[in-house]
Amino acid sequence: MLPTIAFWIHKAKLKSTRTYGFASSFNPTHPQGKAKWAFGWWVSPWHFGLDEGPVVLMIENVRSELLWRLMRLCPYIRDGLQRAGFEGGWLDQLPCT
């Protein structure tokens, strides 16, 4: 995750002119990309603070794994994943509730 954020900042320049954080959205394959953006990508002209929350959660998860630990302990998430057909990995390592 950290290499991805570094790419967004330093190579793709998705934060360079943004006061409040990263661009809300971008599409590297959209045909109406502009030369002012790195790689000629289409980049949203708007900014939504809603997009910053997941970035904060991802950074905390890399730092402490808090979100992974909470998710793994939640019986509703575990049961839902198993009912959806997911198996293996941490789902098999935890005791069933």
Foldseek 3Di string as FASTA:
>chain_A
DVVVVVCQVPQQVQCVPPPQDGFPDKDLPDPCFCPVTHNSINTDPDDDPVSVVVVVVVVVCVVPVVVVVVQLPDLVNLVVCVVVPDDDDSSVVDDHD
